[in-house]
N, C-alpha and C. Protein backbone atom coordinates (compact mmCIF):
# COMPACT_ATOMS: atom_id res chain seq x y z
N MET A 1 -57.59 -124.99 -14.00
CA MET A 1 -57.95 -123.55 -14.48
C MET A 1 -58.96 -123.30 -14.23
N GLY A 2 -59.53 -122.32 -13.61
CA GLY A 2 -61.09 -121.76 -13.48
C GLY A 2 -61.13 -120.88 -14.80
N ALA A 3 -62.42 -120.15 -14.35
CA ALA A 3 -62.70 -118.98 -15.16
C ALA A 3 -63.96 -118.55 -14.41
N LYS A 4 -64.29 -116.98 -14.54
CA LYS A 4 -65.55 -116.21 -14.01
C LYS A 4 -66.40 -115.95 -15.18
N VAL A 5 -67.38 -116.18 -15.37
CA VAL A 5 -68.44 -115.92 -16.28
C VAL A 5 -69.15 -114.69 -16.28
N LEU A 6 -68.92 -113.61 -16.85
CA LEU A 6 -68.77 -112.32 -16.92
C LEU A 6 -70.27 -112.37 -17.73
N GLU A 7 -70.56 -112.79 -18.97
CA GLU A 7 -71.95 -112.80 -19.43
C GLU A 7 -71.96 -113.68 -20.34
N ARG A 8 -73.27 -113.98 -20.83
CA ARG A 8 -73.51 -115.28 -21.87
C ARG A 8 -74.43 -114.76 -23.01
N PHE A 9 -74.11 -115.09 -24.39
CA PHE A 9 -74.89 -114.69 -25.46
C PHE A 9 -75.30 -115.96 -26.42
N PRO A 10 -76.51 -115.91 -26.55
CA PRO A 10 -76.64 -116.87 -27.54
C PRO A 10 -75.90 -117.04 -29.02
N ALA A 11 -75.89 -118.18 -29.45
CA ALA A 11 -75.00 -118.30 -30.75
C ALA A 11 -75.73 -118.07 -32.02
N GLY A 12 -77.15 -117.74 -31.73
CA GLY A 12 -78.10 -117.36 -32.93
C GLY A 12 -78.65 -115.92 -33.23
N SER A 13 -76.96 -115.24 -33.01
CA SER A 13 -77.12 -113.57 -33.36
C SER A 13 -77.11 -113.51 -34.57
N PRO A 14 -77.84 -112.29 -35.00
CA PRO A 14 -77.88 -112.02 -36.45
C PRO A 14 -76.89 -112.01 -37.37
N ARG A 15 -76.81 -112.41 -38.74
CA ARG A 15 -75.60 -112.22 -39.41
C ARG A 15 -75.03 -111.21 -39.28
N GLY A 16 -73.33 -110.94 -38.93
CA GLY A 16 -72.74 -109.77 -38.85
C GLY A 16 -72.72 -109.32 -37.27
N SER A 17 -73.52 -109.92 -36.20
CA SER A 17 -73.55 -109.22 -35.18
C SER A 17 -72.87 -110.07 -34.15
N TRP A 18 -71.83 -109.64 -33.46
CA TRP A 18 -70.80 -110.29 -32.62
C TRP A 18 -71.25 -109.67 -31.33
N PRO A 19 -72.18 -109.92 -30.40
CA PRO A 19 -72.26 -109.20 -29.22
C PRO A 19 -71.25 -109.77 -28.38
N ALA A 20 -71.26 -110.91 -28.06
CA ALA A 20 -70.08 -111.40 -27.15
C ALA A 20 -68.64 -110.89 -27.44
N GLU A 21 -68.37 -110.73 -28.46
CA GLU A 21 -66.88 -110.00 -28.92
C GLU A 21 -66.92 -108.74 -28.56
N GLU A 22 -68.30 -108.04 -28.80
CA GLU A 22 -67.91 -106.52 -28.54
C GLU A 22 -67.98 -106.40 -27.23
N TYR A 23 -68.75 -106.90 -26.38
CA TYR A 23 -68.64 -106.90 -24.97
C TYR A 23 -67.07 -107.61 -24.38
N ALA A 24 -66.88 -108.26 -24.88
CA ALA A 24 -65.45 -108.42 -24.20
C ALA A 24 -64.50 -107.37 -24.82
N ALA A 25 -64.64 -107.01 -25.96
CA ALA A 25 -63.59 -105.64 -26.36
C ALA A 25 -63.81 -104.71 -25.03
N GLN A 26 -65.02 -104.25 -24.69
CA GLN A 26 -65.64 -103.23 -23.51
C GLN A 26 -64.68 -103.72 -22.54
N ARG A 27 -64.85 -104.81 -21.78
CA ARG A 27 -64.26 -105.16 -21.00
C ARG A 27 -62.72 -105.19 -20.90
N ARG A 28 -61.94 -105.49 -22.00
CA ARG A 28 -60.53 -105.06 -22.35
C ARG A 28 -59.99 -104.14 -22.25
N ALA A 29 -61.02 -102.88 -22.59
CA ALA A 29 -60.65 -101.63 -22.46
C ALA A 29 -60.91 -100.98 -21.20
N ALA A 30 -61.83 -101.61 -20.18
CA ALA A 30 -62.14 -101.42 -18.85
C ALA A 30 -60.60 -101.88 -18.18
N GLY A 31 -59.70 -102.48 -19.16
CA GLY A 31 -58.46 -103.46 -18.22
C GLY A 31 -58.53 -104.47 -17.73
N GLU A 32 -59.74 -105.18 -17.95
CA GLU A 32 -59.84 -106.71 -17.39
C GLU A 32 -59.31 -107.52 -18.85
N GLN A 33 -58.95 -109.09 -18.26
CA GLN A 33 -58.55 -109.85 -19.53
C GLN A 33 -59.46 -110.87 -19.66
N ALA A 34 -60.94 -110.40 -20.63
CA ALA A 34 -61.89 -110.83 -20.94
C ALA A 34 -61.68 -111.27 -22.56
N THR A 35 -62.29 -112.72 -22.35
CA THR A 35 -62.04 -113.43 -23.70
C THR A 35 -63.44 -114.35 -23.98
N VAL A 36 -63.32 -114.73 -25.17
CA VAL A 36 -65.06 -115.35 -25.34
C VAL A 36 -64.90 -116.95 -25.50
N VAL A 37 -65.52 -117.64 -25.40
CA VAL A 37 -65.73 -119.10 -25.57
C VAL A 37 -66.40 -119.64 -26.09
N MET A 38 -66.69 -120.61 -26.69
CA MET A 38 -68.11 -120.89 -26.94
C MET A 38 -68.42 -122.52 -25.88
N ASP A 39 -69.49 -122.50 -25.29
CA ASP A 39 -70.29 -123.16 -24.46
C ASP A 39 -70.83 -124.17 -25.64
N LEU A 40 -70.63 -125.14 -25.84
CA LEU A 40 -71.32 -126.67 -26.80
C LEU A 40 -72.63 -126.52 -26.52
N LYS A 41 -72.40 -127.27 -25.05
CA LYS A 41 -73.61 -127.94 -24.45
C LYS A 41 -74.80 -127.04 -24.19
N SER A 42 -74.50 -125.55 -23.97
CA SER A 42 -75.63 -124.66 -24.16
C SER A 42 -75.86 -123.77 -25.57
N ASP A 43 -74.78 -123.93 -26.31
CA ASP A 43 -75.27 -123.36 -27.65
C ASP A 43 -75.06 -121.46 -27.31
N ALA A 44 -74.03 -121.49 -26.46
CA ALA A 44 -73.82 -120.09 -26.40
C ALA A 44 -72.19 -119.55 -26.33
N PHE A 45 -72.31 -118.50 -26.48
CA PHE A 45 -70.87 -117.61 -26.56
C PHE A 45 -70.62 -117.06 -25.04
N LEU A 46 -69.80 -117.22 -24.10
CA LEU A 46 -69.29 -116.89 -22.62
C LEU A 46 -68.26 -115.71 -22.60
N VAL A 47 -68.40 -114.88 -22.26
CA VAL A 47 -67.38 -114.01 -22.15
C VAL A 47 -66.93 -114.16 -20.72
N VAL A 48 -65.66 -114.30 -20.26
CA VAL A 48 -65.05 -115.04 -19.16
C VAL A 48 -64.16 -114.39 -18.70
N LEU A 49 -63.41 -114.22 -17.25
CA LEU A 49 -62.08 -113.73 -16.94
C LEU A 49 -61.45 -114.92 -16.17
N ARG A 50 -60.38 -115.41 -16.98
CA ARG A 50 -59.85 -116.81 -16.56
C ARG A 50 -59.10 -115.92 -15.09
N ASP A 51 -58.87 -117.46 -14.40
CA ASP A 51 -58.13 -117.58 -12.96
C ASP A 51 -56.74 -117.09 -13.12
N GLU A 52 -56.00 -116.10 -12.60
CA GLU A 52 -54.63 -115.93 -12.82
C GLU A 52 -54.12 -117.04 -11.37
N ASP A 53 -53.61 -118.07 -11.90
CA ASP A 53 -52.64 -118.89 -11.22
C ASP A 53 -50.79 -118.32 -11.02
């Protein structure tokens, strides 16, 4: 399973701020299957489109 990274957000956002989730919601509203995953190595949230097999 692969994925295309659309955007990367640092995990250290201010409390109450969810920029990765907000960006993914905008992409879903535009008809894309965007989801948020955590990249532990880079300490970042990634908004990705998963490949459809």
